Every structure is written in structure tokens, then in C-alpha cells.
Amino acid sequence: MDTRLLLSDQTMPFLANLIDLYSLVVLVAVVLSWVQIDPRNPLVTIIHSLTEPVLGPIRRVLPPMGGLDLSPMVLLFGLQLLKGLVY
């Protein structure tokens, strides 16, 4: 059996699962933005450090939408597109 095929068979589901996990992290960030939690809370700090490097540039590109932050929706859409390409 070709080792490249074996690696691909093992890698693709892993990448798809990783994309799903990051999607959940983004959803948690959205929920945390709706509730008043101390920004020094360890969970908030971790979620913010995982999502802000990706959401920040998206926010800078998107035009203002009357106070609505659509960057998580754009990111989730992009993650699903990436998952479709990977898996």
C-alpha cells in the first residue's frame, strides 16, 4: 500500500475534526460576547487568544454593519468551505 495514501486517509479526518473543534471554539466566543464575564477569566482569555488572531483581520475587512459583528459568521462559513475542500 502506498504510504502517501495511508497518510492522507489518516490526515484528512483529523483535519476535519480540527476544523470542527475550532468552529466550536468560535461559537463559544460568540456566546461569551453576549454575557458579562470578567475578561480576566481564564476561559475568556483562552478563547480570546484562540479566536482573535483570525477574527481581527476579518473585522478590519468587513464594513460596519450597524453594531453587528458578522466576523464569526464569515469565519464559520470559511471553515466549512475549508472542511469541504479537505474532507
C-alpha atoms as a PDB file:
ATOM      1  CA  MET A   1       0.000   0.000   0.000  1.00  0.00           C
ATOM      2  CA  ASP A   2       1.245   3.480  -0.863  1.00  0.00           C
ATOM      3  CA  THR A   3       2.293   5.359   2.305  1.00  0.00           C
ATOM      4  CA  ARG A   4       1.093   8.693   0.847  1.00  0.00           C
ATOM      5  CA  LEU A   5      -2.415   7.258   0.538  1.00  0.00           C
ATOM      6  CA  LEU A   6      -2.282   5.919   4.106  1.00  0.00           C
ATOM      7  CA  LEU A   7      -1.120   9.282   5.429  1.00  0.00           C
ATOM      8  CA  SER A   8      -3.876  11.010   3.507  1.00  0.00           C
ATOM      9  CA  ASP A   9      -6.502   8.589   4.842  1.00  0.00           C
ATOM     10  CA  GLN A  10      -5.418   9.363   8.400  1.00  0.00           C
ATOM     11  CA  THR A  11      -4.763  13.068   7.994  1.00  0.00           C
ATOM     12  CA  MET A  12      -7.977  14.199   6.324  1.00  0.00           C
ATOM     13  CA  PRO A  13     -10.373  13.080   9.089  1.00  0.00           C
ATOM     14  CA  PHE A  14      -8.022  14.605  11.669  1.00  0.00           C
ATOM     15  CA  LEU A  15      -8.044  17.960   9.851  1.00  0.00           C
ATOM     16  CA  ALA A  16     -11.833  17.820   9.507  1.00  0.00           C
ATOM     17  CA  ASN A  17     -12.145  17.184  13.251  1.00  0.00           C
ATOM     18  CA  LEU A  18      -9.731  20.018  13.980  1.00  0.00           C
ATOM     19  CA  ILE A  19     -11.847  22.392  11.876  1.00  0.00           C
ATOM     20  CA  ASP A  20     -14.968  21.256  13.749  1.00  0.00           C
ATOM     21  CA  LEU A  21     -13.245  21.824  17.088  1.00  0.00           C
ATOM     22  CA  TYR A  22     -12.161  25.335  16.093  1.00  0.00           C
ATOM     23  CA  SER A  23     -15.717  26.041  14.924  1.00  0.00           C
ATOM     24  CA  LEU A  24     -16.930  25.163  18.411  1.00  0.00           C
ATOM     25  CA  VAL A  25     -14.335  27.499  19.918  1.00  0.00           C
ATOM     26  CA  VAL A  26     -15.635  30.306  17.680  1.00  0.00           C
ATOM     27  CA  LEU A  27     -19.218  29.572  18.779  1.00  0.00           C
ATOM     28  CA  VAL A  28     -18.139  29.699  22.433  1.00  0.00           C
ATOM     29  CA  ALA A  29     -16.501  33.076  21.733  1.00  0.00           C
ATOM     30  CA  VAL A  30     -19.791  34.339  20.290  1.00  0.00           C
ATOM     31  CA  VAL A  31     -21.751  33.185  23.332  1.00  0.00           C
ATOM     32  CA  LEU A  32     -19.167  34.695  25.686  1.00  0.00           C
ATOM     33  CA  SER A  33     -19.513  38.028  23.883  1.00  0.00           C
ATOM     34  CA  TRP A  34     -23.219  38.078  24.771  1.00  0.00           C
ATOM     35  CA  VAL A  35     -22.749  37.599  28.521  1.00  0.00           C
ATOM     36  CA  GLN A  36     -20.920  39.744  31.021  1.00  0.00           C
ATOM     37  CA  ILE A  37     -17.930  37.717  32.195  1.00  0.00           C
ATOM     38  CA  ASP A  38     -14.746  39.165  33.657  1.00  0.00           C
ATOM     39  CA  PRO A  39     -12.257  39.456  30.755  1.00  0.00           C
ATOM     40  CA  ARG A  40      -9.543  38.149  33.100  1.00  0.00           C
ATOM     41  CA  ASN A  41     -11.424  34.858  33.463  1.00  0.00           C
ATOM     42  CA  PRO A  42      -9.096  32.062  32.236  1.00  0.00           C
ATOM     43  CA  LEU A  43     -11.738  30.625  29.884  1.00  0.00           C
ATOM     44  CA  VAL A  44     -12.360  34.031  28.316  1.00  0.00           C
ATOM     45  CA  THR A  45      -8.627  34.641  27.976  1.00  0.00           C
ATOM     46  CA  ILE A  46      -8.029  31.293  26.250  1.00  0.00           C
ATOM     47  CA  ILE A  47     -10.992  31.636  23.891  1.00  0.00           C
ATOM     48  CA  HIS A  48      -9.999  35.204  23.033  1.00  0.00           C
ATOM     49  CA  SER A  49      -6.381  34.203  22.338  1.00  0.00           C
ATOM     50  CA  LEU A  50      -7.547  31.367  20.065  1.00  0.00           C
ATOM     51  CA  THR A  51     -10.078  33.357  18.047  1.00  0.00           C
ATOM     52  CA  GLU A  52      -8.890  36.962  17.923  1.00  0.00           C
ATOM     53  CA  PRO A  53      -5.893  36.361  15.622  1.00  0.00           C
ATOM     54  CA  VAL A  54      -8.344  35.155  12.964  1.00  0.00           C
ATOM     55  CA  LEU A  55     -11.375  37.317  13.748  1.00  0.00           C
ATOM     56  CA  GLY A  56      -9.398  40.578  13.984  1.00  0.00           C
ATOM     57  CA  PRO A  57      -8.343  40.692  10.324  1.00  0.00           C
ATOM     58  CA  ILE A  58     -11.850  39.701   9.212  1.00  0.00           C
ATOM     59  CA  ARG A  59     -13.298  42.585  11.270  1.00  0.00           C
ATOM     60  CA  ARG A  60     -10.907  45.026   9.617  1.00  0.00           C
ATOM     61  CA  VAL A  61     -12.030  43.919   6.141  1.00  0.00           C
ATOM     62  CA  LEU A  62     -15.796  43.836   6.802  1.00  0.00           C
ATOM     63  CA  PRO A  63     -17.664  47.123   6.549  1.00  0.00           C
ATOM     64  CA  PRO A  64     -19.548  48.332   9.675  1.00  0.00           C
ATOM     65  CA  MET A  65     -22.949  46.672   9.983  1.00  0.00           C
ATOM     66  CA  GLY A  66     -24.742  48.903  12.459  1.00  0.00           C
ATOM     67  CA  GLY A  67     -23.166  47.453  15.572  1.00  0.00           C
ATOM     68  CA  LEU A  68     -23.369  43.820  14.472  1.00  0.00           C
ATOM     69  CA  ASP A  69     -20.146  41.835  14.340  1.00  0.00           C
ATOM     70  CA  LEU A  70     -20.513  39.418  11.446  1.00  0.00           C
ATOM     71  CA  SER A  71     -16.887  38.267  11.537  1.00  0.00           C
ATOM     72  CA  PRO A  72     -17.671  34.998  13.395  1.00  0.00           C
ATOM     73  CA  MET A  73     -20.267  34.118  10.763  1.00  0.00           C
ATOM     74  CA  VAL A  74     -17.768  34.807   7.973  1.00  0.00           C
ATOM     75  CA  LEU A  75     -15.144  32.716   9.777  1.00  0.00           C
ATOM     76  CA  LEU A  76     -17.542  29.814  10.349  1.00  0.00           C
ATOM     77  CA  PHE A  77     -18.568  29.913   6.691  1.00  0.00           C
ATOM     78  CA  GLY A  78     -14.904  29.892   5.658  1.00  0.00           C
ATOM     79  CA  LEU A  79     -14.143  26.994   7.996  1.00  0.00           C
ATOM     80  CA  GLN A  80     -16.957  24.964   6.484  1.00  0.00           C
ATOM     81  CA  LEU A  81     -15.674  25.724   2.981  1.00  0.00           C
ATOM     82  CA  LEU A  82     -12.195  24.642   4.061  1.00  0.00           C
ATOM     83  CA  LYS A  83     -13.602  21.463   5.586  1.00  0.00           C
ATOM     84  CA  GLY A  84     -15.373  20.719   2.316  1.00  0.00           C
ATOM     85  CA  LEU A  85     -12.088  21.067   0.455  1.00  0.00           C
ATOM     86  CA  VAL A  86     -10.162  18.958   2.950  1.00  0.00           C
ATOM     87  CA  TYR A  87     -12.591  16.140   3.546  1.00  0.00           C
END
